[in-house]
Amino acid sequence: MQASFNSQDGWKQVVDPVLQATCSKESLLVVISITNKCISSESWSRPSIEDVLWNLQYASQIQGTADGG
């Protein structure tokens, strides 16, 4: 699965089509990026919970902007 995330458009094979249709690409890419870091096999390279929360809040802001709010 991680290989799919790493290819340019591989995320499209992993992300639910409903999410692809309803979420902005930029917001999804932020979520995918932090998810990819969370599943890293090297524990030292995984983000802290604060980093995860910050990225999810950032993705939410991007989505809010894309939705016009």
C-alpha atoms as a PDB file:
ATOM      1  CA  MET A   1       0.000   0.000   0.000  1.00  0.00           C
ATOM      2  CA  GLN A   2       2.810   2.432   0.790  1.00  0.00           C
ATOM      3  CA  ALA A   3       4.163   1.995  -2.753  1.00  0.00           C
ATOM      4  CA  SER A   4       0.791   3.142  -4.076  1.00  0.00           C
ATOM      5  CA  PHE A   5       0.976   6.308  -1.973  1.00  0.00           C
ATOM      6  CA  ASN A   6       4.458   7.067  -3.254  1.00  0.00           C
ATOM      7  CA  SER A   7       3.617   7.058  -6.947  1.00  0.00           C
ATOM      8  CA  GLN A   8       2.410  10.297  -8.468  1.00  0.00           C
ATOM      9  CA  ASP A   9      -1.253   9.337  -8.813  1.00  0.00           C
ATOM     10  CA  GLY A  10      -1.117   6.090  -6.812  1.00  0.00           C
ATOM     11  CA  TRP A  11      -3.275   7.638  -4.107  1.00  0.00           C
ATOM     12  CA  LYS A  12      -6.211   7.448  -6.512  1.00  0.00           C
ATOM     13  CA  GLN A  13      -6.052   3.643  -6.260  1.00  0.00           C
ATOM     14  CA  VAL A  14      -6.216   3.760  -2.446  1.00  0.00           C
ATOM     15  CA  VAL A  15      -8.594   6.620  -1.648  1.00  0.00           C
ATOM     16  CA  ASP A  16     -12.333   5.935  -1.754  1.00  0.00           C
ATOM     17  CA  PRO A  17     -13.879   7.392  -4.933  1.00  0.00           C
ATOM     18  CA  VAL A  18     -16.508   9.217  -2.864  1.00  0.00           C
ATOM     19  CA  LEU A  19     -13.729  11.069  -1.027  1.00  0.00           C
ATOM     20  CA  GLN A  20     -12.007  11.831  -4.309  1.00  0.00           C
ATOM     21  CA  ALA A  21     -15.234  13.368  -5.585  1.00  0.00           C
ATOM     22  CA  THR A  22     -16.052  15.369  -2.450  1.00  0.00           C
ATOM     23  CA  CYS A  23     -12.668  16.459  -1.059  1.00  0.00           C
ATOM     24  CA  SER A  24     -10.159  18.830  -2.566  1.00  0.00           C
ATOM     25  CA  LYS A  25      -7.051  17.196  -3.983  1.00  0.00           C
ATOM     26  CA  GLU A  26      -4.827  19.448  -1.884  1.00  0.00           C
ATOM     27  CA  SER A  27      -6.572  18.450   1.348  1.00  0.00           C
ATOM     28  CA  LEU A  28      -6.392  14.765   0.460  1.00  0.00           C
ATOM     29  CA  LEU A  29      -2.694  15.029  -0.338  1.00  0.00           C
ATOM     30  CA  VAL A  30      -1.991  16.517   3.108  1.00  0.00           C
ATOM     31  CA  VAL A  31      -3.870  13.645   4.774  1.00  0.00           C
ATOM     32  CA  ILE A  32      -2.118  11.080   2.575  1.00  0.00           C
ATOM     33  CA  SER A  33       1.269  12.586   3.347  1.00  0.00           C
ATOM     34  CA  ILE A  34       0.796  12.399   7.114  1.00  0.00           C
ATOM     35  CA  THR A  35      -0.705   8.904   6.806  1.00  0.00           C
ATOM     36  CA  ASN A  36       2.311   7.780   4.827  1.00  0.00           C
ATOM     37  CA  LYS A  37       4.605   9.091   7.571  1.00  0.00           C
ATOM     38  CA  CYS A  38       2.532   7.349  10.273  1.00  0.00           C
ATOM     39  CA  ILE A  39       2.930   3.941   8.658  1.00  0.00           C
ATOM     40  CA  SER A  40       6.676   4.255   8.237  1.00  0.00           C
ATOM     41  CA  SER A  41       8.566   1.135   9.261  1.00  0.00           C
ATOM     42  CA  GLU A  42      11.156   3.284  11.058  1.00  0.00           C
ATOM     43  CA  SER A  43       9.658   4.454  14.339  1.00  0.00           C
ATOM     44  CA  TRP A  44      12.003   7.467  14.528  1.00  0.00           C
ATOM     45  CA  SER A  45      10.524   8.877  11.310  1.00  0.00           C
ATOM     46  CA  ARG A  46       6.894   8.694  12.434  1.00  0.00           C
ATOM     47  CA  PRO A  47       5.330  12.039  13.355  1.00  0.00           C
ATOM     48  CA  SER A  48       4.310  13.034  16.858  1.00  0.00           C
ATOM     49  CA  ILE A  49       0.616  13.208  17.684  1.00  0.00           C
ATOM     50  CA  GLU A  50       0.956  17.002  17.656  1.00  0.00           C
ATOM     51  CA  ASP A  51       2.256  16.861  14.080  1.00  0.00           C
ATOM     52  CA  VAL A  52      -0.600  14.560  13.077  1.00  0.00           C
ATOM     53  CA  LEU A  53      -3.187  16.883  14.617  1.00  0.00           C
ATOM     54  CA  TRP A  54      -1.584  19.977  13.061  1.00  0.00           C
ATOM     55  CA  ASN A  55      -1.639  18.360   9.606  1.00  0.00           C
ATOM     56  CA  LEU A  56      -5.256  17.230   9.990  1.00  0.00           C
ATOM     57  CA  GLN A  57      -6.271  20.749  11.046  1.00  0.00           C
ATOM     58  CA  TYR A  58      -4.365  22.157   8.083  1.00  0.00           C
ATOM     59  CA  ALA A  59      -6.122  19.710   5.726  1.00  0.00           C
ATOM     60  CA  SER A  60      -9.439  20.791   7.233  1.00  0.00           C
ATOM     61  CA  GLN A  61      -8.605  24.462   6.597  1.00  0.00           C
ATOM     62  CA  ILE A  62      -7.686  23.682   3.002  1.00  0.00           C
ATOM     63  CA  GLN A  63     -10.946  21.813   2.566  1.00  0.00           C
ATOM     64  CA  GLY A  64     -12.908  24.655   4.153  1.00  0.00           C
ATOM     65  CA  THR A  65     -11.337  27.103   1.718  1.00  0.00           C
ATOM     66  CA  ALA A  66     -12.114  24.811  -1.211  1.00  0.00           C
ATOM     67  CA  ASP A  67     -15.724  24.525  -0.024  1.00  0.00           C
ATOM     68  CA  GLY A  68     -16.004  28.307   0.067  1.00  0.00           C
ATOM     69  CA  GLY A  69     -16.136  28.624   3.831  1.00  0.00           C
END
